[in-house]
Amino acid sequence: MIPPISGVSALGPGASIGGVGSIGGIGGSGSVAQPAKTGATSFGSALAQAVGGLEQTQNTAATAAQGLATGTISDPATAVTAVENASLAMDVASQIQNKLIAAETTLFQLQV
C-alpha cells in the first residue's frame, strides 16, 4: 500500500475550505460574500457613476433652461444644446433599461 501524501494542498499546508454553511446567503451568518478586489470597477459602481452623470446632465439642462427663461443666458444655443444633451442622455438610459429588462426576462424564461 502506498502512503498518502501529507501536507500538500492547493491552498497551502493546513488550509481548509469552509463548508456550505460558510457561503454568504446560504445558511451561516447570512451575510453576503464580497467579491475579490481586482482593481476593476464593479457593475454597481459603474451604474452609480452613470446615474450620477445623468443626474448632472439633467441639472445642467434645468439650470440652462431657467437661465434662458430669466434672461441670464445671452446665447440661446447654449441652453438648447444643454437641453438636447440631457434629452439624448435620458433616451440612452431608457434604452439601456429596456435592454436590461429584456435580458432579465430572458434569464427567467430559461429552463434549467
PDB file of N, CA and C in Angstrom:
ATOM      1  N   MET A   1       0.834  -1.175   0.000  1.00  0.00           N
ATOM      2  CA  MET A   1       0.000   0.000   0.000  1.00  0.00           C
ATOM      3  C   MET A   1       0.878   1.237   0.000  1.00  0.00           C
ATOM      4  N   ILE A   2       0.450   2.234  -0.802  1.00  0.00           N
ATOM      5  CA  ILE A   2       1.215   3.461  -0.934  1.00  0.00           C
ATOM      6  C   ILE A   2       0.732   4.447   0.135  1.00  0.00           C
ATOM      7  N   PRO A   3       1.629   5.062   0.893  1.00  0.00           N
ATOM      8  CA  PRO A   3       1.199   6.009   1.925  1.00  0.00           C
ATOM      9  C   PRO A   3       0.695   7.304   1.290  1.00  0.00           C
ATOM     10  N   PRO A   4      -0.320   7.943   1.877  1.00  0.00           N
ATOM     11  CA  PRO A   4      -0.844   9.193   1.325  1.00  0.00           C
ATOM     12  C   PRO A   4       0.178  10.328   1.475  1.00  0.00           C
ATOM     13  N   ILE A   5       0.098  11.280   0.566  1.00  0.00           N
ATOM     14  CA  ILE A   5       0.971  12.445   0.634  1.00  0.00           C
ATOM     15  C   ILE A   5       0.363  13.404   1.652  1.00  0.00           C
ATOM     16  N   SER A   6       1.161  13.797   2.615  1.00  0.00           N
ATOM     17  CA  SER A   6       0.629  14.673   3.662  1.00  0.00           C
ATOM     18  C   SER A   6       1.136  16.094   3.483  1.00  0.00           C
ATOM     19  N   GLY A   7       0.319  17.039   3.902  1.00  0.00           N
ATOM     20  CA  GLY A   7       0.723  18.436   3.914  1.00  0.00           C
ATOM     21  C   GLY A   7       0.705  19.125   2.562  1.00  0.00           C
ATOM     22  N   VAL A   8       0.119  18.515   1.524  1.00  0.00           N
ATOM     23  CA  VAL A   8       0.086  19.152   0.217  1.00  0.00           C
ATOM     24  C   VAL A   8      -1.354  19.542  -0.078  1.00  0.00           C
ATOM     25  N   SER A   9      -1.520  20.800  -0.379  1.00  0.00           N
ATOM     26  CA  SER A   9      -2.846  21.303  -0.700  1.00  0.00           C
ATOM     27  C   SER A   9      -2.703  22.479  -1.652  1.00  0.00           C
ATOM     28  N   ALA A  10      -3.710  22.696  -2.470  1.00  0.00           N
ATOM     29  CA  ALA A  10      -3.673  23.830  -3.390  1.00  0.00           C
ATOM     30  C   ALA A  10      -3.720  25.145  -2.628  1.00  0.00           C
ATOM     31  N   LEU A  11      -4.272  25.114  -1.424  1.00  0.00           N
ATOM     32  CA  LEU A  11      -4.370  26.319  -0.614  1.00  0.00           C
ATOM     33  C   LEU A  11      -3.184  26.481   0.329  1.00  0.00           C
ATOM     34  N   GLY A  12      -2.320  25.516   0.378  1.00  0.00           N
ATOM     35  CA  GLY A  12      -1.178  25.566   1.279  1.00  0.00           C
ATOM     36  C   GLY A  12      -1.347  24.552   2.392  1.00  0.00           C
ATOM     37  N   PRO A  13      -0.277  24.261   3.111  1.00  0.00           N
ATOM     38  CA  PRO A  13      -0.343  23.266   4.172  1.00  0.00           C
ATOM     39  C   PRO A  13      -1.296  23.681   5.290  1.00  0.00           C
ATOM     40  N   GLY A  14      -2.135  22.782   5.680  1.00  0.00           N
ATOM     41  CA  GLY A  14      -3.027  23.010   6.804  1.00  0.00           C
ATOM     42  C   GLY A  14      -4.228  23.886   6.497  1.00  0.00           C
ATOM     43  N   ALA A  15      -4.386  24.331   5.266  1.00  0.00           N
ATOM     44  CA  ALA A  15      -5.528  25.177   4.914  1.00  0.00           C
ATOM     45  C   ALA A  15      -6.757  24.317   4.718  1.00  0.00           C
ATOM     46  N   SER A  16      -7.897  24.884   4.997  1.00  0.00           N
ATOM     47  CA  SER A  16      -9.134  24.148   4.776  1.00  0.00           C
ATOM     48  C   SER A  16     -10.168  25.070   4.150  1.00  0.00           C
ATOM     49  N   ILE A  17     -11.105  24.480   3.473  1.00  0.00           N
ATOM     50  CA  ILE A  17     -12.190  25.228   2.858  1.00  0.00           C
ATOM     51  C   ILE A  17     -13.405  25.051   3.743  1.00  0.00           C
ATOM     52  N   GLY A  18     -14.111  26.131   4.029  1.00  0.00           N
ATOM     53  CA  GLY A  18     -15.287  26.061   4.870  1.00  0.00           C
ATOM     54  C   GLY A  18     -16.395  25.270   4.195  1.00  0.00           C
ATOM     55  N   GLY A  19     -17.340  24.820   4.985  1.00  0.00           N
ATOM     56  CA  GLY A  19     -18.459  24.067   4.454  1.00  0.00           C
ATOM     57  C   GLY A  19     -19.447  24.962   3.737  1.00  0.00           C
ATOM     58  N   VAL A  20     -20.524  24.380   3.267  1.00  0.00           N
ATOM     59  CA  VAL A  20     -21.541  25.117   2.534  1.00  0.00           C
ATOM     60  C   VAL A  20     -22.152  26.195   3.410  1.00  0.00           C
ATOM     61  N   GLY A  21     -22.242  25.967   4.693  1.00  0.00           N
ATOM     62  CA  GLY A  21     -22.823  26.956   5.603  1.00  0.00           C
ATOM     63  C   GLY A  21     -22.011  28.229   5.690  1.00  0.00           C
ATOM     64  N   SER A  22     -20.753  28.209   5.257  1.00  0.00           N
ATOM     65  CA  SER A  22     -19.941  29.418   5.348  1.00  0.00           C
ATOM     66  C   SER A  22     -20.116  30.332   4.144  1.00  0.00           C
ATOM     67  N   ILE A  23     -20.849  29.880   3.124  1.00  0.00           N
ATOM     68  CA  ILE A  23     -21.093  30.725   1.960  1.00  0.00           C
ATOM     69  C   ILE A  23     -22.172  31.726   2.327  1.00  0.00           C
ATOM     70  N   GLY A  24     -21.927  32.992   2.029  1.00  0.00           N
ATOM     71  CA  GLY A  24     -22.867  34.047   2.384  1.00  0.00           C
ATOM     72  C   GLY A  24     -24.217  33.822   1.735  1.00  0.00           C
ATOM     73  N   GLY A  25     -25.270  33.998   2.506  1.00  0.00           N
ATOM     74  CA  GLY A  25     -26.615  33.885   1.980  1.00  0.00           C
ATOM     75  C   GLY A  25     -27.154  32.462   1.969  1.00  0.00           C
ATOM     76  N   ILE A  26     -26.321  31.451   2.290  1.00  0.00           N
ATOM     77  CA  ILE A  26     -26.783  30.064   2.317  1.00  0.00           C
ATOM     78  C   ILE A  26     -26.517  29.522   3.715  1.00  0.00           C
ATOM     79  N   GLY A  27     -27.316  29.900   4.630  1.00  0.00           N
ATOM     80  CA  GLY A  27     -27.084  29.469   6.000  1.00  0.00           C
ATOM     81  C   GLY A  27     -25.975  30.304   6.628  1.00  0.00           C
ATOM     82  N   GLY A  28     -25.446  29.830   7.707  1.00  0.00           N
ATOM     83  CA  GLY A  28     -24.358  30.546   8.359  1.00  0.00           C
ATOM     84  C   GLY A  28     -24.840  31.876   8.896  1.00  0.00           C
ATOM     85  N   SER A  29     -24.011  32.890   8.776  1.00  0.00           N
ATOM     86  CA  SER A  29     -24.333  34.200   9.346  1.00  0.00           C
ATOM     87  C   SER A  29     -25.330  34.973   8.493  1.00  0.00           C
ATOM     88  N   GLY A  30     -25.519  34.581   7.242  1.00  0.00           N
ATOM     89  CA  GLY A  30     -26.455  35.263   6.385  1.00  0.00           C
ATOM     90  C   GLY A  30     -25.872  36.492   5.706  1.00  0.00           C
ATOM     91  N   SER A  31     -24.593  36.755   5.918  1.00  0.00           N
ATOM     92  CA  SER A  31     -24.001  37.910   5.251  1.00  0.00           C
ATOM     93  C   SER A  31     -23.612  37.532   3.830  1.00  0.00           C
ATOM     94  N   VAL A  32     -23.618  38.504   2.955  1.00  0.00           N
ATOM     95  CA  VAL A  32     -23.302  38.268   1.552  1.00  0.00           C
ATOM     96  C   VAL A  32     -21.795  38.311   1.379  1.00  0.00           C
ATOM     97  N   ALA A  33     -21.251  37.320   0.690  1.00  0.00           N
ATOM     98  CA  ALA A  33     -19.817  37.287   0.439  1.00  0.00           C
ATOM     99  C   ALA A  33     -19.435  38.401  -0.521  1.00  0.00           C
ATOM    100  N   GLN A  34     -18.354  39.094  -0.242  1.00  0.00           N
ATOM    101  CA  GLN A  34     -17.900  40.193  -1.080  1.00  0.00           C
ATOM    102  C   GLN A  34     -16.965  39.663  -2.158  1.00  0.00           C
ATOM    103  N   PRO A  35     -17.058  40.181  -3.383  1.00  0.00           N
ATOM    104  CA  PRO A  35     -16.159  39.736  -4.444  1.00  0.00           C
ATOM    105  C   PRO A  35     -14.737  40.204  -4.174  1.00  0.00           C
ATOM    106  N   ALA A  36     -13.787  39.480  -4.748  1.00  0.00           N
ATOM    107  CA  ALA A  36     -12.389  39.846  -4.581  1.00  0.00           C
ATOM    108  C   ALA A  36     -12.115  41.163  -5.299  1.00  0.00           C
ATOM    109  N   LYS A  37     -11.283  41.990  -4.706  1.00  0.00           N
ATOM    110  CA  LYS A  37     -10.937  43.271  -5.311  1.00  0.00           C
ATOM    111  C   LYS A  37      -9.864  43.032  -6.368  1.00  0.00           C
ATOM    112  N   THR A  38     -10.196  43.327  -7.624  1.00  0.00           N
ATOM    113  CA  THR A  38      -9.251  43.100  -8.718  1.00  0.00           C
ATOM    114  C   THR A  38      -8.807  44.398  -9.363  1.00  0.00           C
ATOM    115  N   GLY A  39      -9.226  45.525  -8.852  1.00  0.00           N
ATOM    116  CA  GLY A  39      -8.858  46.801  -9.433  1.00  0.00           C
ATOM    117  C   GLY A  39      -9.862  47.279 -10.465  1.00  0.00           C
ATOM    118  N   ALA A  40     -10.700  46.413 -10.964  1.00  0.00           N
ATOM    119  CA  ALA A  40     -11.726  46.797 -11.936  1.00  0.00           C
ATOM    120  C   ALA A  40     -12.942  47.321 -11.181  1.00  0.00           C
ATOM    121  N   THR A  41     -13.661  48.229 -11.809  1.00  0.00           N
ATOM    122  CA  THR A  41     -14.862  48.744 -11.157  1.00  0.00           C
ATOM    123  C   THR A  41     -15.973  47.707 -11.257  1.00  0.00           C
ATOM    124  N   SER A  42     -16.784  47.641 -10.244  1.00  0.00           N
ATOM    125  CA  SER A  42     -17.881  46.692 -10.251  1.00  0.00           C
ATOM    126  C   SER A  42     -19.036  47.259 -11.061  1.00  0.00           C
ATOM    127  N   PHE A  43     -19.981  46.409 -11.387  1.00  0.00           N
ATOM    128  CA  PHE A  43     -21.146  46.847 -12.143  1.00  0.00           C
ATOM    129  C   PHE A  43     -21.932  47.876 -11.358  1.00  0.00           C
ATOM    130  N   GLY A  44     -22.047  47.663 -10.069  1.00  0.00           N
ATOM    131  CA  GLY A  44     -22.800  48.597  -9.235  1.00  0.00           C
ATOM    132  C   GLY A  44     -22.185  49.982  -9.211  1.00  0.00           C
ATOM    133  N   SER A  45     -20.856  50.050  -9.104  1.00  0.00           N
ATOM    134  CA  SER A  45     -20.220  51.370  -9.073  1.00  0.00           C
ATOM    135  C   SER A  45     -20.270  52.026 -10.445  1.00  0.00           C
ATOM    136  N   ALA A  46     -20.161  51.246 -11.511  1.00  0.00           N
ATOM    137  CA  ALA A  46     -20.277  51.810 -12.858  1.00  0.00           C
ATOM    138  C   ALA A  46     -21.685  52.348 -13.088  1.00  0.00           C
ATOM    139  N   LEU A  47     -22.680  51.622 -12.607  1.00  0.00           N
ATOM    140  CA  LEU A  47     -24.068  52.076 -12.740  1.00  0.00           C
ATOM    141  C   LEU A  47     -24.307  53.338 -11.924  1.00  0.00           C
ATOM    142  N   ALA A  48     -23.743  53.390 -10.715  1.00  0.00           N
ATOM    143  CA  ALA A  48     -23.895  54.578  -9.878  1.00  0.00           C
ATOM    144  C   ALA A  48     -23.249  55.799 -10.533  1.00  0.00           C
ATOM    145  N   GLN A  49     -22.092  55.604 -11.164  1.00  0.00           N
ATOM    146  CA  GLN A  49     -21.434  56.708 -11.856  1.00  0.00           C
ATOM    147  C   GLN A  49     -22.266  57.177 -13.051  1.00  0.00           C
ATOM    148  N   ALA A  50     -22.854  56.236 -13.781  1.00  0.00           N
ATOM    149  CA  ALA A  50     -23.673  56.593 -14.939  1.00  0.00           C
ATOM    150  C   ALA A  50     -24.914  57.358 -14.515  1.00  0.00           C
ATOM    151  N   VAL A  51     -25.558  56.924 -13.444  1.00  0.00           N
ATOM    152  CA  VAL A  51     -26.747  57.618 -12.954  1.00  0.00           C
ATOM    153  C   VAL A  51     -26.364  58.999 -12.432  1.00  0.00           C
ATOM    154  N   GLY A  52     -25.217  59.093 -11.783  1.00  0.00           N
ATOM    155  CA  GLY A  52     -24.744  60.396 -11.317  1.00  0.00           C
ATOM    156  C   GLY A  52     -24.481  61.350 -12.474  1.00  0.00           C
ATOM    157  N   GLY A  53     -23.885  60.834 -13.550  1.00  0.00           N
ATOM    158  CA  GLY A  53     -23.652  61.655 -14.734  1.00  0.00           C
ATOM    159  C   GLY A  53     -24.947  62.096 -15.389  1.00  0.00           C
ATOM    160  N   LEU A  54     -25.922  61.196 -15.418  1.00  0.00           N
ATOM    161  CA  LEU A  54     -27.235  61.534 -15.980  1.00  0.00           C
ATOM    162  C   LEU A  54     -27.907  62.623 -15.154  1.00  0.00           C
ATOM    163  N   GLU A  55     -27.815  62.493 -13.839  1.00  0.00           N
ATOM    164  CA  GLU A  55     -28.411  63.499 -12.957  1.00  0.00           C
ATOM    165  C   GLU A  55     -27.728  64.859 -13.144  1.00  0.00           C
ATOM    166  N   GLN A  56     -26.402  64.840 -13.294  1.00  0.00           N
ATOM    167  CA  GLN A  56     -25.678  66.092 -13.505  1.00  0.00           C
ATOM    168  C   GLN A  56     -26.076  66.735 -14.837  1.00  0.00           C
ATOM    169  N   THR A  57     -26.251  65.917 -15.872  1.00  0.00           N
ATOM    170  CA  THR A  57     -26.682  66.433 -17.174  1.00  0.00           C
ATOM    171  C   THR A  57     -28.077  67.043 -17.084  1.00  0.00           C
ATOM    172  N   GLN A  58     -28.968  66.385 -16.353  1.00  0.00           N
ATOM    173  CA  GLN A  58     -30.329  66.913 -16.178  1.00  0.00           C
ATOM    174  C   GLN A  58     -30.310  68.233 -15.404  1.00  0.00           C
ATOM    175  N   ASN A  59     -29.472  68.311 -14.369  1.00  0.00           N
ATOM    176  CA  ASN A  59     -29.376  69.551 -13.589  1.00  0.00           C
ATOM    177  C   ASN A  59     -28.810  70.696 -14.430  1.00  0.00           C
ATOM    178  N   THR A  60     -27.815  70.382 -15.269  1.00  0.00           N
ATOM    179  CA  THR A  60     -27.246  71.400 -16.151  1.00  0.00           C
ATOM    180  C   THR A  60     -28.305  71.922 -17.124  1.00  0.00           C
ATOM    181  N   ALA A  61     -29.103  71.008 -17.668  1.00  0.00           N
ATOM    182  CA  ALA A  61     -30.165  71.416 -18.597  1.00  0.00           C
ATOM    183  C   ALA A  61     -31.210  72.269 -17.895  1.00  0.00           C
ATOM    184  N   ALA A  62     -31.566  71.892 -16.672  1.00  0.00           N
ATOM    185  CA  ALA A  62     -32.562  72.679 -15.931  1.00  0.00           C
ATOM    186  C   ALA A  62     -32.032  74.077 -15.630  1.00  0.00           C
ATOM    187  N   THR A  63     -30.769  74.155 -15.252  1.00  0.00           N
ATOM    188  CA  THR A  63     -30.162  75.454 -14.977  1.00  0.00           C
ATOM    189  C   THR A  63     -30.107  76.308 -16.242  1.00  0.00           C
ATOM    190  N   ALA A  64     -29.743  75.683 -17.365  1.00  0.00           N
ATOM    191  CA  ALA A  64     -29.670  76.421 -18.636  1.00  0.00           C
ATOM    192  C   ALA A  64     -31.049  76.894 -19.069  1.00  0.00           C
ATOM    193  N   ALA A  65     -32.060  76.063 -18.913  1.00  0.00           N
ATOM    194  CA  ALA A  65     -33.424  76.453 -19.290  1.00  0.00           C
ATOM    195  C   ALA A  65     -33.929  77.583 -18.404  1.00  0.00           C
ATOM    196  N   GLN A  66     -33.615  77.484 -17.119  1.00  0.00           N
ATOM    197  CA  GLN A  66     -34.030  78.551 -16.203  1.00  0.00           C
ATOM    198  C   GLN A  66     -33.296  79.849 -16.528  1.00  0.00           C
ATOM    199  N   GLY A  67     -32.013  79.739 -16.863  1.00  0.00           N
ATOM    200  CA  GLY A  67     -31.248  80.924 -17.241  1.00  0.00           C
ATOM    201  C   GLY A  67     -31.772  81.562 -18.514  1.00  0.00           C
ATOM    202  N   LEU A  68     -32.196  80.739 -19.452  1.00  0.00           N
ATOM    203  CA  LEU A  68     -32.774  81.270 -20.690  1.00  0.00           C
ATOM    204  C   LEU A  68     -34.110  81.968 -20.412  1.00  0.00           C
ATOM    205  N   ALA A  69     -34.905  81.373 -19.522  1.00  0.00           N
ATOM    206  CA  ALA A  69     -36.217  81.963 -19.193  1.00  0.00           C
ATOM    207  C   ALA A  69     -36.072  83.269 -18.427  1.00  0.00           C
ATOM    208  N   THR A  70     -35.066  83.367 -17.582  1.00  0.00           N
ATOM    209  CA  THR A  70     -34.887  84.586 -16.785  1.00  0.00           C
ATOM    210  C   THR A  70     -34.034  85.628 -17.494  1.00  0.00           C
ATOM    211  N   GLY A  71     -33.401  85.260 -18.592  1.00  0.00           N
ATOM    212  CA  GLY A  71     -32.596  86.210 -19.350  1.00  0.00           C
ATOM    213  C   GLY A  71     -31.152  86.305 -18.913  1.00  0.00           C
ATOM    214  N   THR A  72     -30.703  85.399 -18.026  1.00  0.00           N
ATOM    215  CA  THR A  72     -29.307  85.457 -17.574  1.00  0.00           C
ATOM    216  C   THR A  72     -28.350  84.824 -18.577  1.00  0.00           C
ATOM    217  N   ILE A  73     -28.864  84.016 -19.493  1.00  0.00           N
ATOM    218  CA  ILE A  73     -28.036  83.433 -20.550  1.00  0.00           C
ATOM    219  C   ILE A  73     -28.284  84.232 -21.821  1.00  0.00           C
ATOM    220  N   SER A  74     -27.199  84.756 -22.391  1.00  0.00           N
ATOM    221  CA  SER A  74     -27.362  85.593 -23.587  1.00  0.00           C
ATOM    222  C   SER A  74     -27.378  84.769 -24.877  1.00  0.00           C
ATOM    223  N   ASP A  75     -26.805  83.561 -24.834  1.00  0.00           N
ATOM    224  CA  ASP A  75     -26.742  82.718 -26.023  1.00  0.00           C
ATOM    225  C   ASP A  75     -27.761  81.585 -25.905  1.00  0.00           C
ATOM    226  N   PRO A  76     -28.847  81.619 -26.650  1.00  0.00           N
ATOM    227  CA  PRO A  76     -29.860  80.558 -26.547  1.00  0.00           C
ATOM    228  C   PRO A  76     -29.356  79.208 -27.048  1.00  0.00           C
ATOM    229  N   ALA A  77     -28.353  79.221 -27.909  1.00  0.00           N
ATOM    230  CA  ALA A  77     -27.818  77.946 -28.415  1.00  0.00           C
ATOM    231  C   ALA A  77     -27.213  77.116 -27.289  1.00  0.00           C
ATOM    232  N   THR A  78     -26.638  77.770 -26.300  1.00  0.00           N
ATOM    233  CA  THR A  78     -26.069  77.057 -25.149  1.00  0.00           C
ATOM    234  C   THR A  78     -27.153  76.317 -24.385  1.00  0.00           C
ATOM    235  N   ALA A  79     -28.266  76.993 -24.160  1.00  0.00           N
ATOM    236  CA  ALA A  79     -29.369  76.368 -23.426  1.00  0.00           C
ATOM    237  C   ALA A  79     -29.977  75.225 -24.227  1.00  0.00           C
ATOM    238  N   VAL A  80     -30.173  75.445 -25.516  1.00  0.00           N
ATOM    239  CA  VAL A  80     -30.761  74.404 -26.368  1.00  0.00           C
ATOM    240  C   VAL A  80     -29.841  73.187 -26.420  1.00  0.00           C
ATOM    241  N   THR A  81     -28.542  73.417 -26.524  1.00  0.00           N
ATOM    242  CA  THR A  81     -27.586  72.312 -26.553  1.00  0.00           C
ATOM    243  C   THR A  81     -27.615  71.520 -25.252  1.00  0.00           C
ATOM    244  N   ALA A  82     -27.685  72.213 -24.124  1.00  0.00           N
ATOM    245  CA  ALA A  82     -27.729  71.527 -22.830  1.00  0.00           C
ATOM    246  C   ALA A  82     -29.002  70.700 -22.691  1.00  0.00           C
ATOM    247  N   VAL A  83     -30.122  71.258 -23.130  1.00  0.00           N
ATOM    248  CA  VAL A  83     -31.396  70.526 -23.031  1.00  0.00           C
ATOM    249  C   VAL A  83     -31.393  69.319 -23.968  1.00  0.00           C
ATOM    250  N   GLU A  84     -30.846  69.470 -25.162  1.00  0.00           N
ATOM    251  CA  GLU A  84     -30.781  68.343 -26.101  1.00  0.00           C
ATOM    252  C   GLU A  84     -29.839  67.250 -25.585  1.00  0.00           C
ATOM    253  N   ASN A  85     -28.715  67.649 -24.988  1.00  0.00           N
ATOM    254  CA  ASN A  85     -27.809  66.651 -24.401  1.00  0.00           C
ATOM    255  C   ASN A  85     -28.503  65.872 -23.299  1.00  0.00           C
ATOM    256  N   ALA A  86     -29.265  66.568 -22.467  1.00  0.00           N
ATOM    257  CA  ALA A  86     -29.997  65.898 -21.394  1.00  0.00           C
ATOM    258  C   ALA A  86     -31.063  64.964 -21.956  1.00  0.00           C
ATOM    259  N   SER A  87     -31.723  65.401 -23.021  1.00  0.00           N
ATOM    260  CA  SER A  87     -32.745  64.566 -23.645  1.00  0.00           C
ATOM    261  C   SER A  87     -32.133  63.296 -24.239  1.00  0.00           C
ATOM    262  N   LEU A  88     -31.015  63.446 -24.930  1.00  0.00           N
ATOM    263  CA  LEU A  88     -30.342  62.274 -25.501  1.00  0.00           C
ATOM    264  C   LEU A  88     -29.831  61.334 -24.421  1.00  0.00           C
ATOM    265  N   ALA A  89     -29.295  61.882 -23.339  1.00  0.00           N
ATOM    266  CA  ALA A  89     -28.811  61.048 -22.237  1.00  0.00           C
ATOM    267  C   ALA A  89     -29.956  60.257 -21.611  1.00  0.00           C
ATOM    268  N   MET A  90     -31.107  60.891 -21.471  1.00  0.00           N
ATOM    269  CA  MET A  90     -32.268  60.193 -20.911  1.00  0.00           C
ATOM    270  C   MET A  90     -32.770  59.110 -21.863  1.00  0.00           C
ATOM    271  N   ASP A  91     -32.741  59.386 -23.155  1.00  0.00           N
ATOM    272  CA  ASP A  91     -33.135  58.369 -24.136  1.00  0.00           C
ATOM    273  C   ASP A  91     -32.212  57.157 -24.082  1.00  0.00           C
ATOM    274  N   VAL A  92     -30.915  57.394 -23.976  1.00  0.00           N
ATOM    275  CA  VAL A  92     -29.959  56.283 -23.888  1.00  0.00           C
ATOM    276  C   VAL A  92     -30.180  55.493 -22.602  1.00  0.00           C
ATOM    277  N   ALA A  93     -30.402  56.186 -21.497  1.00  0.00           N
ATOM    278  CA  ALA A  93     -30.653  55.493 -20.231  1.00  0.00           C
ATOM    279  C   ALA A  93     -31.926  54.656 -20.310  1.00  0.00           C
ATOM    280  N   SER A  94     -32.946  55.174 -20.986  1.00  0.00           N
ATOM    281  CA  SER A  94     -34.190  54.430 -21.156  1.00  0.00           C
ATOM    282  C   SER A  94     -33.979  53.177 -22.000  1.00  0.00           C
ATOM    283  N   GLN A  95     -33.193  53.298 -23.059  1.00  0.00           N
ATOM    284  CA  GLN A  95     -32.914  52.132 -23.905  1.00  0.00           C
ATOM    285  C   GLN A  95     -32.102  51.079 -23.155  1.00  0.00           C
ATOM    286  N   ILE A  96     -31.157  51.517 -22.334  1.00  0.00           N
ATOM    287  CA  ILE A  96     -30.371  50.574 -21.530  1.00  0.00           C
ATOM    288  C   ILE A  96     -31.279  49.858 -20.540  1.00  0.00           C
ATOM    289  N   GLN A  97     -32.187  50.593 -19.930  1.00  0.00           N
ATOM    290  CA  GLN A  97     -33.135  49.977 -19.004  1.00  0.00           C
ATOM    291  C   GLN A  97     -33.985  48.934 -19.723  1.00  0.00           C
ATOM    292  N   ASN A  98     -34.470  49.263 -20.923  1.00  0.00           N
ATOM    293  CA  ASN A  98     -35.288  48.314 -21.680  1.00  0.00           C
ATOM    294  C   ASN A  98     -34.493  47.049 -22.024  1.00  0.00           C
ATOM    295  N   LYS A  99     -33.223  47.207 -22.407  1.00  0.00           N
ATOM    296  CA  LYS A  99     -32.389  46.043 -22.721  1.00  0.00           C
ATOM    297  C   LYS A  99     -32.144  45.191 -21.484  1.00  0.00           C
ATOM    298  N   LEU A 100     -31.924  45.824 -20.341  1.00  0.00           N
ATOM    299  CA  LEU A 100     -31.719  45.055 -19.106  1.00  0.00           C
ATOM    300  C   LEU A 100     -32.969  44.298 -18.698  1.00  0.00           C
ATOM    301  N   ILE A 101     -34.121  44.914 -18.866  1.00  0.00           N
ATOM    302  CA  ILE A 101     -35.379  44.228 -18.541  1.00  0.00           C
ATOM    303  C   ILE A 101     -35.604  43.048 -19.483  1.00  0.00           C
ATOM    304  N   ALA A 102     -35.290  43.243 -20.765  1.00  0.00           N
ATOM    305  CA  ALA A 102     -35.438  42.143 -21.725  1.00  0.00           C
ATOM    306  C   ALA A 102     -34.473  41.002 -21.388  1.00  0.00           C
ATOM    307  N   ALA A 103     -33.258  41.332 -20.984  1.00  0.00           N
ATOM    308  CA  ALA A 103     -32.291  40.294 -20.614  1.00  0.00           C
ATOM    309  C   ALA A 103     -32.742  39.557 -19.359  1.00  0.00           C
ATOM    310  N   GLU A 104     -33.294  40.289 -18.393  1.00  0.00           N
ATOM    311  CA  GLU A 104     -33.793  39.660 -17.176  1.00  0.00           C
ATOM    312  C   GLU A 104     -34.947  38.712 -17.498  1.00  0.00           C
ATOM    313  N   THR A 105     -35.851  39.142 -18.359  1.00  0.00           N
ATOM    314  CA  THR A 105     -36.982  38.302 -18.750  1.00  0.00           C
ATOM    315  C   THR A 105     -36.483  37.038 -19.446  1.00  0.00           C
ATOM    316  N   THR A 106     -35.490  37.170 -20.295  1.00  0.00           N
ATOM    317  CA  THR A 106     -34.923  36.010 -20.983  1.00  0.00           C
ATOM    318  C   THR A 106     -34.297  35.044 -19.991  1.00  0.00           C
ATOM    319  N   LEU A 107     -33.601  35.567 -19.000  1.00  0.00           N
ATOM    320  CA  LEU A 107     -32.987  34.695 -17.996  1.00  0.00           C
ATOM    321  C   LEU A 107     -34.027  33.949 -17.188  1.00  0.00           C
ATOM    322  N   PHE A 108     -35.126  34.624 -16.854  1.00  0.00           N
ATOM    323  CA  PHE A 108     -36.163  33.968 -16.067  1.00  0.00           C
ATOM    324  C   PHE A 108     -36.916  32.917 -16.878  1.00  0.00           C
ATOM    325  N   GLN A 109     -36.874  33.008 -18.206  1.00  0.00           N
ATOM    326  CA  GLN A 109     -37.570  32.044 -19.046  1.00  0.00           C
ATOM    327  C   GLN A 109     -36.724  30.815 -19.353  1.00  0.00           C
ATOM    328  N   LEU A 110     -35.436  30.845 -18.977  1.00  0.00           N
ATOM    329  CA  LEU A 110     -34.566  29.697 -19.251  1.00  0.00           C
ATOM    330  C   LEU A 110     -35.017  28.483 -18.470  1.00  0.00           C
ATOM    331  N   GLN A 111     -34.982  27.342 -19.111  1.00  0.00           N
ATOM    332  CA  GLN A 111     -35.315  26.080 -18.460  1.00  0.00           C
ATOM    333  C   GLN A 111     -34.053  25.463 -17.897  1.00  0.00           C
ATOM    334  N   VAL A 112     -34.097  25.099 -16.654  1.00  0.00           N
ATOM    335  CA  VAL A 112     -32.917  24.513 -16.008  1.00  0.00           C
ATOM    336  C   VAL A 112     -33.026  23.016 -16.003  1.00  0.00           C
TER     337      VAL A 112
END
